[in-house]
Amino acid sequence: LELIDSWSSLPFYALPEGAHKHNEDMCYFHLPTATHQPTPGIPSHQTALFGISSYRQINSNDLVVKTSDITRTFVQKAVVLILAQPVFAYVQDQISDISQLYFGQRDFTRTDIL
């Protein structure tokens, strides 16, 4: 996935500093809309989008499939939703469930659940 320049900090919003201190948690953040091109479904006057991430970590020894990019003892990943409206309360349980299922597979090559 290629990010627009103004979203270059998205990975740090989704998986924040200190995430290693928690087995799981959620983050809420804002992103600017793309100014150089219209975003489908987003009114042209809207200047911000709303993000929510559910992040977790798992011991790499617990993985069923361990790819070559997994080099540390723990693997941290986040499932992220970008929303046009700040409806965090309506989606936080669903995104948490999805990340739980994704980690429960213990195989990050299987992304069909996302």
PDB file of N, CA and C in Angstrom:
ATOM      1  N   LEU A   1       0.846  -1.180   0.000  1.00  0.00           N
ATOM      2  CA  LEU A   1       0.000   0.000   0.000  1.00  0.00           C
ATOM      3  C   LEU A   1       0.886   1.235   0.000  1.00  0.00           C
ATOM      4  N   GLU A   2       0.671   2.099  -0.967  1.00  0.00           N
ATOM      5  CA  GLU A   2       1.439   3.340  -1.036  1.00  0.00           C
ATOM      6  C   GLU A   2       0.629   4.463  -0.407  1.00  0.00           C
ATOM      7  N   LEU A   3       1.227   5.156   0.540  1.00  0.00           N
ATOM      8  CA  LEU A   3       0.542   6.231   1.256  1.00  0.00           C
ATOM      9  C   LEU A   3       0.822   7.569   0.597  1.00  0.00           C
ATOM     10  N   ILE A   4      -0.181   8.463   0.649  1.00  0.00           N
ATOM     11  CA  ILE A   4       0.064   9.821   0.186  1.00  0.00           C
ATOM     12  C   ILE A   4       1.033  10.482   1.159  1.00  0.00           C
ATOM     13  N   ASP A   5       1.749  11.491   0.695  1.00  0.00           N
ATOM     14  CA  ASP A   5       2.795  12.123   1.512  1.00  0.00           C
ATOM     15  C   ASP A   5       2.291  12.586   2.874  1.00  0.00           C
ATOM     16  N   SER A   6       1.090  13.162   2.905  1.00  0.00           N
ATOM     17  CA  SER A   6       0.583  13.694   4.174  1.00  0.00           C
ATOM     18  C   SER A   6       0.175  12.590   5.151  1.00  0.00           C
ATOM     19  N   TRP A   7       0.205  11.341   4.701  1.00  0.00           N
ATOM     20  CA  TRP A   7      -0.105  10.213   5.580  1.00  0.00           C
ATOM     21  C   TRP A   7       1.153   9.431   5.954  1.00  0.00           C
ATOM     22  N   SER A   8       2.311   9.979   5.752  1.00  0.00           N
ATOM     23  CA  SER A   8       3.549   9.240   6.002  1.00  0.00           C
ATOM     24  C   SER A   8       3.714   8.827   7.469  1.00  0.00           C
ATOM     25  N   SER A   9       3.019   9.490   8.377  1.00  0.00           N
ATOM     26  CA  SER A   9       3.100   9.144   9.805  1.00  0.00           C
ATOM     27  C   SER A   9       2.072   8.102  10.227  1.00  0.00           C
ATOM     28  N   LEU A  10       1.242   7.654   9.300  1.00  0.00           N
ATOM     29  CA  LEU A  10       0.187   6.689   9.640  1.00  0.00           C
ATOM     30  C   LEU A  10       0.713   5.467  10.392  1.00  0.00           C
ATOM     31  N   PRO A  11       1.803   4.829   9.978  1.00  0.00           N
ATOM     32  CA  PRO A  11       2.273   3.663  10.740  1.00  0.00           C
ATOM     33  C   PRO A  11       2.576   3.974  12.203  1.00  0.00           C
ATOM     34  N   PHE A  12       3.038   5.188  12.478  1.00  0.00           N
ATOM     35  CA  PHE A  12       3.369   5.565  13.857  1.00  0.00           C
ATOM     36  C   PHE A  12       2.116   5.894  14.669  1.00  0.00           C
ATOM     37  N   TYR A  13       1.059   6.355  14.000  1.00  0.00           N
ATOM     38  CA  TYR A  13      -0.220   6.572  14.681  1.00  0.00           C
ATOM     39  C   TYR A  13      -0.872   5.231  15.001  1.00  0.00           C
ATOM     40  N   ALA A  14      -0.813   4.306  14.051  1.00  0.00           N
ATOM     41  CA  ALA A  14      -1.481   3.014  14.196  1.00  0.00           C
ATOM     42  C   ALA A  14      -0.798   2.103  15.208  1.00  0.00           C
ATOM     43  N   LEU A  15       0.513   2.191  15.288  1.00  0.00           N
ATOM     44  CA  LEU A  15       1.300   1.367  16.207  1.00  0.00           C
ATOM     45  C   LEU A  15       2.245   2.306  16.947  1.00  0.00           C
ATOM     46  N   PRO A  16       1.751   2.938  18.005  1.00  0.00           N
ATOM     47  CA  PRO A  16       2.485   4.040  18.636  1.00  0.00           C
ATOM     48  C   PRO A  16       3.689   3.592  19.468  1.00  0.00           C
ATOM     49  N   GLU A  17       4.496   4.577  19.803  1.00  0.00           N
ATOM     50  CA  GLU A  17       5.630   4.369  20.707  1.00  0.00           C
ATOM     51  C   GLU A  17       5.102   3.777  22.019  1.00  0.00           C
ATOM     52  N   GLY A  18       5.766   2.787  22.534  1.00  0.00           N
ATOM     53  CA  GLY A  18       5.341   2.158  23.781  1.00  0.00           C
ATOM     54  C   GLY A  18       4.340   1.036  23.584  1.00  0.00           C
ATOM     55  N   ALA A  19       4.012   0.707  22.335  1.00  0.00           N
ATOM     56  CA  ALA A  19       3.047  -0.363  22.071  1.00  0.00           C
ATOM     57  C   ALA A  19       3.529  -1.698  22.632  1.00  0.00           C
ATOM     58  N   HIS A  20       4.841  -1.862  22.729  1.00  0.00           N
ATOM     59  CA  HIS A  20       5.395  -3.117  23.242  1.00  0.00           C
ATOM     60  C   HIS A  20       5.042  -3.360  24.710  1.00  0.00           C
ATOM     61  N   LYS A  21       4.556  -2.338  25.391  1.00  0.00           N
ATOM     62  CA  LYS A  21       4.191  -2.480  26.806  1.00  0.00           C
ATOM     63  C   LYS A  21       2.797  -3.073  26.995  1.00  0.00           C
ATOM     64  N   HIS A  22       2.066  -3.251  25.893  1.00  0.00           N
ATOM     65  CA  HIS A  22       0.693  -3.756  25.957  1.00  0.00           C
ATOM     66  C   HIS A  22       0.545  -4.951  25.021  1.00  0.00           C
ATOM     67  N   ASN A  23      -0.193  -5.952  25.457  1.00  0.00           N
ATOM     68  CA  ASN A  23      -0.490  -7.066  24.560  1.00  0.00           C
ATOM     69  C   ASN A  23      -1.487  -6.654  23.489  1.00  0.00           C
ATOM     70  N   GLU A  24      -2.377  -5.722  23.849  1.00  0.00           N
ATOM     71  CA  GLU A  24      -3.347  -5.203  22.884  1.00  0.00           C
ATOM     72  C   GLU A  24      -3.864  -3.856  23.372  1.00  0.00           C
ATOM     73  N   ASP A  25      -4.239  -3.020  22.428  1.00  0.00           N
ATOM     74  CA  ASP A  25      -4.801  -1.714  22.757  1.00  0.00           C
ATOM     75  C   ASP A  25      -5.360  -1.093  21.486  1.00  0.00           C
ATOM     76  N   MET A  26      -5.937   0.094  21.635  1.00  0.00           N
ATOM     77  CA  MET A  26      -6.501   0.812  20.495  1.00  0.00           C
ATOM     78  C   MET A  26      -5.951   2.227  20.475  1.00  0.00           C
ATOM     79  N   CYS A  27      -5.899   2.804  19.282  1.00  0.00           N
ATOM     80  CA  CYS A  27      -5.489   4.199  19.092  1.00  0.00           C
ATOM     81  C   CYS A  27      -6.515   4.898  18.219  1.00  0.00           C
ATOM     82  N   TYR A  28      -6.685   6.170  18.477  1.00  0.00           N
ATOM     83  CA  TYR A  28      -7.591   7.010  17.698  1.00  0.00           C
ATOM     84  C   TYR A  28      -6.780   8.200  17.207  1.00  0.00           C
ATOM     85  N   PHE A  29      -6.953   8.584  15.948  1.00  0.00           N
ATOM     86  CA  PHE A  29      -6.138   9.658  15.391  1.00  0.00           C
ATOM     87  C   PHE A  29      -6.851  10.326  14.220  1.00  0.00           C
ATOM     88  N   HIS A  30      -6.286  11.438  13.761  1.00  0.00           N
ATOM     89  CA  HIS A  30      -6.793  12.193  12.611  1.00  0.00           C
ATOM     90  C   HIS A  30      -5.766  12.152  11.489  1.00  0.00           C
ATOM     91  N   LEU A  31      -6.257  12.203  10.266  1.00  0.00           N
ATOM     92  CA  LEU A  31      -5.398  12.306   9.091  1.00  0.00           C
ATOM     93  C   LEU A  31      -5.944  13.402   8.186  1.00  0.00           C
ATOM     94  N   PRO A  32      -5.082  14.136   7.509  1.00  0.00           N
ATOM     95  CA  PRO A  32      -5.588  15.127   6.559  1.00  0.00           C
ATOM     96  C   PRO A  32      -6.116  14.432   5.307  1.00  0.00           C
ATOM     97  N   THR A  33      -7.105  15.032   4.670  1.00  0.00           N
ATOM     98  CA  THR A  33      -7.567  14.494   3.393  1.00  0.00           C
ATOM     99  C   THR A  33      -6.545  14.861   2.326  1.00  0.00           C
ATOM    100  N   ALA A  34      -6.572  14.145   1.233  1.00  0.00           N
ATOM    101  CA  ALA A  34      -5.665  14.438   0.124  1.00  0.00           C
ATOM    102  C   ALA A  34      -6.115  15.733  -0.537  1.00  0.00           C
ATOM    103  N   THR A  35      -5.247  16.710  -0.594  1.00  0.00           N
ATOM    104  CA  THR A  35      -5.623  18.012  -1.154  1.00  0.00           C
ATOM    105  C   THR A  35      -5.488  18.054  -2.668  1.00  0.00           C
ATOM    106  N   HIS A  36      -4.667  17.200  -3.244  1.00  0.00           N
ATOM    107  CA  HIS A  36      -4.416  17.253  -4.680  1.00  0.00           C
ATOM    108  C   HIS A  36      -5.351  16.375  -5.506  1.00  0.00           C
ATOM    109  N   GLN A  37      -6.137  15.547  -4.853  1.00  0.00           N
ATOM    110  CA  GLN A  37      -7.067  14.690  -5.585  1.00  0.00           C
ATOM    111  C   GLN A  37      -8.277  14.413  -4.712  1.00  0.00           C
ATOM    112  N   PRO A  38      -9.461  14.321  -5.332  1.00  0.00           N
ATOM    113  CA  PRO A  38     -10.655  14.029  -4.535  1.00  0.00           C
ATOM    114  C   PRO A  38     -10.614  12.602  -3.986  1.00  0.00           C
ATOM    115  N   THR A  39     -11.160  12.436  -2.812  1.00  0.00           N
ATOM    116  CA  THR A  39     -11.262  11.124  -2.194  1.00  0.00           C
ATOM    117  C   THR A  39     -12.697  10.652  -2.342  1.00  0.00           C
ATOM    118  N   PRO A  40     -12.932   9.498  -2.971  1.00  0.00           N
ATOM    119  CA  PRO A  40     -14.305   9.021  -3.169  1.00  0.00           C
ATOM    120  C   PRO A  40     -15.068   8.930  -1.851  1.00  0.00           C
ATOM    121  N   GLY A  41     -16.274   9.468  -1.838  1.00  0.00           N
ATOM    122  CA  GLY A  41     -17.127   9.413  -0.663  1.00  0.00           C
ATOM    123  C   GLY A  41     -16.842  10.476   0.376  1.00  0.00           C
ATOM    124  N   ILE A  42     -15.865  11.333   0.144  1.00  0.00           N
ATOM    125  CA  ILE A  42     -15.498  12.379   1.101  1.00  0.00           C
ATOM    126  C   ILE A  42     -15.836  13.734   0.482  1.00  0.00           C
ATOM    127  N   PRO A  43     -16.653  14.546   1.154  1.00  0.00           N
ATOM    128  CA  PRO A  43     -16.965  15.880   0.626  1.00  0.00           C
ATOM    129  C   PRO A  43     -15.689  16.704   0.427  1.00  0.00           C
ATOM    130  N   SER A  44     -15.657  17.507  -0.623  1.00  0.00           N
ATOM    131  CA  SER A  44     -14.445  18.266  -0.951  1.00  0.00           C
ATOM    132  C   SER A  44     -14.060  19.271   0.131  1.00  0.00           C
ATOM    133  N   HIS A  45     -15.026  19.709   0.947  1.00  0.00           N
ATOM    134  CA  HIS A  45     -14.720  20.677   2.006  1.00  0.00           C
ATOM    135  C   HIS A  45     -14.173  20.022   3.281  1.00  0.00           C
ATOM    136  N   GLN A  46     -14.245  18.700   3.371  1.00  0.00           N
ATOM    137  CA  GLN A  46     -13.765  17.999   4.568  1.00  0.00           C
ATOM    138  C   GLN A  46     -12.242  17.974   4.567  1.00  0.00           C
ATOM    139  N   THR A  47     -11.632  18.388   5.657  1.00  0.00           N
ATOM    140  CA  THR A  47     -10.170  18.489   5.719  1.00  0.00           C
ATOM    141  C   THR A  47      -9.507  17.409   6.569  1.00  0.00           C
ATOM    142  N   ALA A  48     -10.292  16.585   7.241  1.00  0.00           N
ATOM    143  CA  ALA A  48      -9.697  15.543   8.088  1.00  0.00           C
ATOM    144  C   ALA A  48     -10.489  14.247   7.982  1.00  0.00           C
ATOM    145  N   LEU A  49      -9.770  13.154   8.115  1.00  0.00           N
ATOM    146  CA  LEU A  49     -10.367  11.832   8.226  1.00  0.00           C
ATOM    147  C   LEU A  49     -10.030  11.314   9.618  1.00  0.00           C
ATOM    148  N   PHE A  50     -10.714  10.281  10.023  1.00  0.00           N
ATOM    149  CA  PHE A  50     -10.585   9.769  11.384  1.00  0.00           C
ATOM    150  C   PHE A  50     -10.087   8.331  11.325  1.00  0.00           C
ATOM    151  N   GLY A  51      -9.087   8.038  12.126  1.00  0.00           N
ATOM    152  CA  GLY A  51      -8.505   6.712  12.119  1.00  0.00           C
ATOM    153  C   GLY A  51      -8.643   6.027  13.462  1.00  0.00           C
ATOM    154  N   ILE A  52      -8.773   4.714  13.386  1.00  0.00           N
ATOM    155  CA  ILE A  52      -8.790   3.883  14.588  1.00  0.00           C
ATOM    156  C   ILE A  52      -7.945   2.653  14.281  1.00  0.00           C
ATOM    157  N   SER A  53      -7.110   2.277  15.228  1.00  0.00           N
ATOM    158  CA  SER A  53      -6.317   1.065  15.045  1.00  0.00           C
ATOM    159  C   SER A  53      -6.463   0.180  16.273  1.00  0.00           C
ATOM    160  N   SER A  54      -6.489  -1.103  16.006  1.00  0.00           N
ATOM    161  CA  SER A  54      -6.460  -2.104  17.061  1.00  0.00           C
ATOM    162  C   SER A  54      -5.143  -2.839  16.875  1.00  0.00           C
ATOM    163  N   TYR A  55      -4.239  -2.677  17.840  1.00  0.00           N
ATOM    164  CA  TYR A  55      -2.932  -3.315  17.681  1.00  0.00           C
ATOM    165  C   TYR A  55      -2.718  -4.361  18.763  1.00  0.00           C
ATOM    166  N   ARG A  56      -1.903  -5.329  18.402  1.00  0.00           N
ATOM    167  CA  ARG A  56      -1.595  -6.454  19.285  1.00  0.00           C
ATOM    168  C   ARG A  56      -0.155  -6.889  19.052  1.00  0.00           C
ATOM    169  N   GLN A  57       0.298  -7.754  19.936  1.00  0.00           N
ATOM    170  CA  GLN A  57       1.602  -8.380  19.729  1.00  0.00           C
ATOM    171  C   GLN A  57       1.494  -9.856  20.073  1.00  0.00           C
ATOM    172  N   ILE A  58       2.366 -10.638  19.471  1.00  0.00           N
ATOM    173  CA  ILE A  58       2.386 -12.079  19.683  1.00  0.00           C
ATOM    174  C   ILE A  58       3.847 -12.535  19.669  1.00  0.00           C
ATOM    175  N   ASN A  59       4.149 -13.529  20.468  1.00  0.00           N
ATOM    176  CA  ASN A  59       5.483 -14.108  20.467  1.00  0.00           C
ATOM    177  C   ASN A  59       5.692 -14.799  19.121  1.00  0.00           C
ATOM    178  N   SER A  60       6.792 -14.518  18.475  1.00  0.00           N
ATOM    179  CA  SER A  60       7.033 -15.084  17.144  1.00  0.00           C
ATOM    180  C   SER A  60       7.144 -16.609  17.179  1.00  0.00           C
ATOM    181  N   ASN A  61       7.493 -17.183  18.316  1.00  0.00           N
ATOM    182  CA  ASN A  61       7.543 -18.645  18.436  1.00  0.00           C
ATOM    183  C   ASN A  61       6.159 -19.273  18.401  1.00  0.00           C
ATOM    184  N   ASP A  62       5.116 -18.484  18.635  1.00  0.00           N
ATOM    185  CA  ASP A  62       3.748 -18.990  18.607  1.00  0.00           C
ATOM    186  C   ASP A  62       3.146 -18.989  17.206  1.00  0.00           C
ATOM    187  N   LEU A  63       3.857 -18.443  16.227  1.00  0.00           N
ATOM    188  CA  LEU A  63       3.328 -18.364  14.871  1.00  0.00           C
ATOM    189  C   LEU A  63       3.405 -19.710  14.168  1.00  0.00           C
ATOM    190  N   VAL A  64       2.376 -20.030  13.406  1.00  0.00           N
ATOM    191  CA  VAL A  64       2.348 -21.248  12.601  1.00  0.00           C
ATOM    192  C   VAL A  64       3.228 -21.055  11.367  1.00  0.00           C
ATOM    193  N   VAL A  65       3.141 -19.866  10.770  1.00  0.00           N
ATOM    194  CA  VAL A  65       3.962 -19.511   9.615  1.00  0.00           C
ATOM    195  C   VAL A  65       4.841 -18.335  10.020  1.00  0.00           C
ATOM    196  N   LYS A  66       6.140 -18.532   9.949  1.00  0.00           N
ATOM    197  CA  LYS A  66       7.093 -17.484  10.326  1.00  0.00           C
ATOM    198  C   LYS A  66       7.892 -17.101   9.079  1.00  0.00           C
ATOM    199  N   THR A  67       7.525 -15.963   8.484  1.00  0.00           N
ATOM    200  CA  THR A  67       8.180 -15.506   7.261  1.00  0.00           C
ATOM    201  C   THR A  67       9.541 -14.886   7.573  1.00  0.00           C
ATOM    202  N   SER A  68      10.332 -14.660   6.539  1.00  0.00           N
ATOM    203  CA  SER A  68      11.708 -14.181   6.722  1.00  0.00           C
ATOM    204  C   SER A  68      11.786 -12.773   7.306  1.00  0.00           C
ATOM    205  N   ASP A  69      10.711 -11.987   7.192  1.00  0.00           N
ATOM    206  CA  ASP A  69      10.738 -10.627   7.745  1.00  0.00           C
ATOM    207  C   ASP A  69      10.500 -10.606   9.251  1.00  0.00           C
ATOM    208  N   ILE A  70      10.164 -11.730   9.829  1.00  0.00           N
ATOM    209  CA  ILE A  70       9.946 -11.813  11.278  1.00  0.00           C
ATOM    210  C   ILE A  70      11.271 -12.197  11.922  1.00  0.00           C
ATOM    211  N   THR A  71      11.914 -11.190  12.517  1.00  0.00           N
ATOM    212  CA  THR A  71      13.260 -11.392  13.057  1.00  0.00           C
ATOM    213  C   THR A  71      13.356 -11.142  14.559  1.00  0.00           C
ATOM    214  N   ARG A  72      12.276 -10.681  15.145  1.00  0.00           N
ATOM    215  CA  ARG A  72      12.310 -10.358  16.576  1.00  0.00           C
ATOM    216  C   ARG A  72      11.504 -11.375  17.375  1.00  0.00           C
ATOM    217  N   THR A  73      11.626 -11.301  18.690  1.00  0.00           N
ATOM    218  CA  THR A  73      10.920 -12.226  19.573  1.00  0.00           C
ATOM    219  C   THR A  73       9.418 -12.007  19.526  1.00  0.00           C
ATOM    220  N   PHE A  74       8.996 -10.750  19.437  1.00  0.00           N
ATOM    221  CA  PHE A  74       7.577 -10.433  19.371  1.00  0.00           C
ATOM    222  C   PHE A  74       7.259  -9.727  18.063  1.00  0.00           C
ATOM    223  N   VAL A  75       6.078 -10.015  17.533  1.00  0.00           N
ATOM    224  CA  VAL A  75       5.584  -9.369  16.316  1.00  0.00           C
ATOM    225  C   VAL A  75       4.441  -8.455  16.723  1.00  0.00           C
ATOM    226  N   GLN A  76       4.503  -7.215  16.277  1.00  0.00           N
ATOM    227  CA  GLN A  76       3.442  -6.239  16.538  1.00  0.00           C
ATOM    228  C   GLN A  76       2.803  -5.863  15.212  1.00  0.00           C
ATOM    229  N   LYS A  77       1.475  -5.856  15.194  1.00  0.00           N
ATOM    230  CA  LYS A  77       0.736  -5.463  13.994  1.00  0.00           C
ATOM    231  C   LYS A  77      -0.508  -4.718  14.425  1.00  0.00           C
ATOM    232  N   ALA A  78      -1.027  -3.915  13.488  1.00  0.00           N
ATOM    233  CA  ALA A  78      -2.242  -3.145  13.751  1.00  0.00           C
ATOM    234  C   ALA A  78      -3.215  -3.324  12.597  1.00  0.00           C
ATOM    235  N   VAL A  79      -4.487  -3.418  12.929  1.00  0.00           N
ATOM    236  CA  VAL A  79      -5.570  -3.377  11.949  1.00  0.00           C
ATOM    237  C   VAL A  79      -6.135  -1.968  12.026  1.00  0.00           C
ATOM    238  N   VAL A  80      -6.217  -1.289  10.882  1.00  0.00           N
ATOM    239  CA  VAL A  80      -6.567   0.127  10.849  1.00  0.00           C
ATOM    240  C   VAL A  80      -7.804   0.363   9.997  1.00  0.00           C
ATOM    241  N   LEU A  81      -8.675   1.235  10.483  1.00  0.00           N
ATOM    242  CA  LEU A  81      -9.816   1.729   9.704  1.00  0.00           C
ATOM    243  C   LEU A  81      -9.674   3.234   9.564  1.00  0.00           C
ATOM    244  N   ILE A  82      -9.888   3.743   8.358  1.00  0.00           N
ATOM    245  CA  ILE A  82      -9.920   5.176   8.102  1.00  0.00           C
ATOM    246  C   ILE A  82     -11.372   5.516   7.809  1.00  0.00           C
ATOM    247  N   LEU A  83     -11.906   6.465   8.557  1.00  0.00           N
ATOM    248  CA  LEU A  83     -13.332   6.784   8.512  1.00  0.00           C
ATOM    249  C   LEU A  83     -13.566   8.233   8.108  1.00  0.00           C
ATOM    250  N   ALA A  84     -14.688   8.468   7.438  1.00  0.00           N
ATOM    251  CA  ALA A  84     -15.061   9.834   7.069  1.00  0.00           C
ATOM    252  C   ALA A  84     -15.690  10.571   8.246  1.00  0.00           C
ATOM    253  N   GLN A  85     -16.260   9.835   9.172  1.00  0.00           N
ATOM    254  CA  GLN A  85     -16.916  10.417  10.345  1.00  0.00           C
ATOM    255  C   GLN A  85     -16.315   9.795  11.608  1.00  0.00           C
ATOM    256  N   PRO A  86     -16.311  10.523  12.712  1.00  0.00           N
ATOM    257  CA  PRO A  86     -15.724   9.992  13.952  1.00  0.00           C
ATOM    258  C   PRO A  86     -16.682   9.055  14.692  1.00  0.00           C
ATOM    259  N   VAL A  87     -16.912   7.891  14.115  1.00  0.00           N
ATOM    260  CA  VAL A  87     -17.863   6.933  14.687  1.00  0.00           C
ATOM    261  C   VAL A  87     -17.118   5.799  15.406  1.00  0.00           C
ATOM    262  N   PHE A  88     -16.137   6.179  16.192  1.00  0.00           N
ATOM    263  CA  PHE A  88     -15.280   5.204  16.862  1.00  0.00           C
ATOM    264  C   PHE A  88     -16.065   4.217  17.717  1.00  0.00           C
ATOM    265  N   ALA A  89     -17.052   4.699  18.449  1.00  0.00           N
ATOM    266  CA  ALA A  89     -17.818   3.830  19.349  1.00  0.00           C
ATOM    267  C   ALA A  89     -18.550   2.731  18.584  1.00  0.00           C
ATOM    268  N   TYR A  90     -18.909   3.015  17.335  1.00  0.00           N
ATOM    269  CA  TYR A  90     -19.648   2.037  16.543  1.00  0.00           C
ATOM    270  C   TYR A  90     -18.758   0.968  15.930  1.00  0.00           C
ATOM    271  N   VAL A  91     -17.474   1.235  15.803  1.00  0.00           N
ATOM    272  CA  VAL A  91     -16.592   0.282  15.123  1.00  0.00           C
ATOM    273  C   VAL A  91     -15.516  -0.330  16.015  1.00  0.00           C
ATOM    274  N   GLN A  92     -15.331   0.184  17.226  1.00  0.00           N
ATOM    275  CA  GLN A  92     -14.207  -0.303  18.030  1.00  0.00           C
ATOM    276  C   GLN A  92     -14.335  -1.777  18.397  1.00  0.00           C
ATOM    277  N   ASP A  93     -15.531  -2.260  18.669  1.00  0.00           N
ATOM    278  CA  ASP A  93     -15.675  -3.682  18.989  1.00  0.00           C
ATOM    279  C   ASP A  93     -15.390  -4.556  17.771  1.00  0.00           C
ATOM    280  N   GLN A  94     -15.876  -4.113  16.599  1.00  0.00           N
ATOM    281  CA  GLN A  94     -15.660  -4.893  15.382  1.00  0.00           C
ATOM    282  C   GLN A  94     -14.180  -4.957  15.003  1.00  0.00           C
ATOM    283  N   ILE A  95     -13.483  -3.820  15.074  1.00  0.00           N
ATOM    284  CA  ILE A  95     -12.061  -3.831  14.696  1.00  0.00           C
ATOM    285  C   ILE A  95     -11.246  -4.638  15.708  1.00  0.00           C
ATOM    286  N   SER A  96     -11.636  -4.611  16.960  1.00  0.00           N
ATOM    287  CA  SER A  96     -10.964  -5.425  17.971  1.00  0.00           C
ATOM    288  C   SER A  96     -11.180  -6.912  17.687  1.00  0.00           C
ATOM    289  N   ASP A  97     -12.408  -7.278  17.320  1.00  0.00           N
ATOM    290  CA  ASP A  97     -12.706  -8.673  16.978  1.00  0.00           C
ATOM    291  C   ASP A  97     -11.906  -9.131  15.760  1.00  0.00           C
ATOM    292  N   ILE A  98     -11.812  -8.261  14.754  1.00  0.00           N
ATOM    293  CA  ILE A  98     -11.069  -8.606  13.543  1.00  0.00           C
ATOM    294  C   ILE A  98      -9.591  -8.816  13.860  1.00  0.00           C
ATOM    295  N   SER A  99      -9.007  -7.927  14.655  1.00  0.00           N
ATOM    296  CA  SER A  99      -7.582  -8.099  14.981  1.00  0.00           C
ATOM    297  C   SER A  99      -7.366  -9.347  15.834  1.00  0.00           C
ATOM    298  N   GLN A 100      -8.322  -9.663  16.704  1.00  0.00           N
ATOM    299  CA  GLN A 100      -8.214 -10.881  17.510  1.00  0.00           C
ATOM    300  C   GLN A 100      -8.236 -12.117  16.605  1.00  0.00           C
ATOM    301  N   LEU A 101      -9.130 -12.130  15.623  1.00  0.00           N
ATOM    302  CA  LEU A 101      -9.190 -13.255  14.689  1.00  0.00           C
ATOM    303  C   LEU A 101      -7.932 -13.337  13.830  1.00  0.00           C
ATOM    304  N   TYR A 102      -7.443 -12.184  13.373  1.00  0.00           N
ATOM    305  CA  TYR A 102      -6.231 -12.137  12.545  1.00  0.00           C
ATOM    306  C   TYR A 102      -5.037 -12.702  13.310  1.00  0.00           C
ATOM    307  N   PHE A 103      -4.872 -12.294  14.553  1.00  0.00           N
ATOM    308  CA  PHE A 103      -3.776 -12.807  15.372  1.00  0.00           C
ATOM    309  C   PHE A 103      -4.026 -14.263  15.757  1.00  0.00           C
ATOM    310  N   GLY A 104      -5.288 -14.630  15.943  1.00  0.00           N
ATOM    311  CA  GLY A 104      -5.629 -15.993  16.320  1.00  0.00           C
ATOM    312  C   GLY A 104      -5.248 -17.020  15.269  1.00  0.00           C
ATOM    313  N   GLN A 105      -5.162 -16.590  14.017  1.00  0.00           N
ATOM    314  CA  GLN A 105      -4.736 -17.496  12.944  1.00  0.00           C
ATOM    315  C   GLN A 105      -3.273 -17.911  13.104  1.00  0.00           C
ATOM    316  N   ARG A 106      -2.495 -17.024  13.767  1.00  0.00           N
ATOM    317  CA  ARG A 106      -1.058 -17.210  13.955  1.00  0.00           C
ATOM    318  C   ARG A 106      -0.323 -17.361  12.624  1.00  0.00           C
ATOM    319  N   ASP A 107      -0.901 -16.737  11.586  1.00  0.00           N
ATOM    320  CA  ASP A 107      -0.332 -16.781  10.238  1.00  0.00           C
ATOM    321  C   ASP A 107      -0.650 -15.456   9.554  1.00  0.00           C
ATOM    322  N   PHE A 108       0.318 -14.533   9.541  1.00  0.00           N
ATOM    323  CA  PHE A 108       0.070 -13.204   8.996  1.00  0.00           C
ATOM    324  C   PHE A 108       0.090 -13.165   7.475  1.00  0.00           C
ATOM    325  N   THR A 109       0.380 -14.300   6.826  1.00  0.00           N
ATOM    326  CA  THR A 109       0.281 -14.343   5.367  1.00  0.00           C
ATOM    327  C   THR A 109      -1.171 -14.467   4.925  1.00  0.00           C
ATOM    328  N   ARG A 110      -2.029 -14.869   5.829  1.00  0.00           N
ATOM    329  CA  ARG A 110      -3.464 -15.007   5.516  1.00  0.00           C
ATOM    330  C   ARG A 110      -4.177 -13.700   5.861  1.00  0.00           C
ATOM    331  N   THR A 111      -4.397 -12.889   4.853  1.00  0.00           N
ATOM    332  CA  THR A 111      -5.032 -11.584   5.062  1.00  0.00           C
ATOM    333  C   THR A 111      -6.474 -11.554   4.585  1.00  0.00           C
ATOM    334  N   ASP A 112      -7.010 -12.683   4.161  1.00  0.00           N
ATOM    335  CA  ASP A 112      -8.383 -12.712   3.649  1.00  0.00           C
ATOM    336  C   ASP A 112      -9.405 -12.280   4.700  1.00  0.00           C
ATOM    337  N   ILE A 113      -9.098 -12.439   5.959  1.00  0.00           N
ATOM    338  CA  ILE A 113     -10.015 -12.041   7.031  1.00  0.00           C
ATOM    339  C   ILE A 113     -10.145 -10.519   7.116  1.00  0.00           C
ATOM    340  N   LEU A 114      -9.134  -9.819   6.637  1.00  0.00           N
ATOM    341  CA  LEU A 114      -9.142  -8.366   6.704  1.00  0.00           C
ATOM    342  C   LEU A 114     -10.059  -7.812   5.643  1.00  0.00           C
TER     343      LEU A 114
END
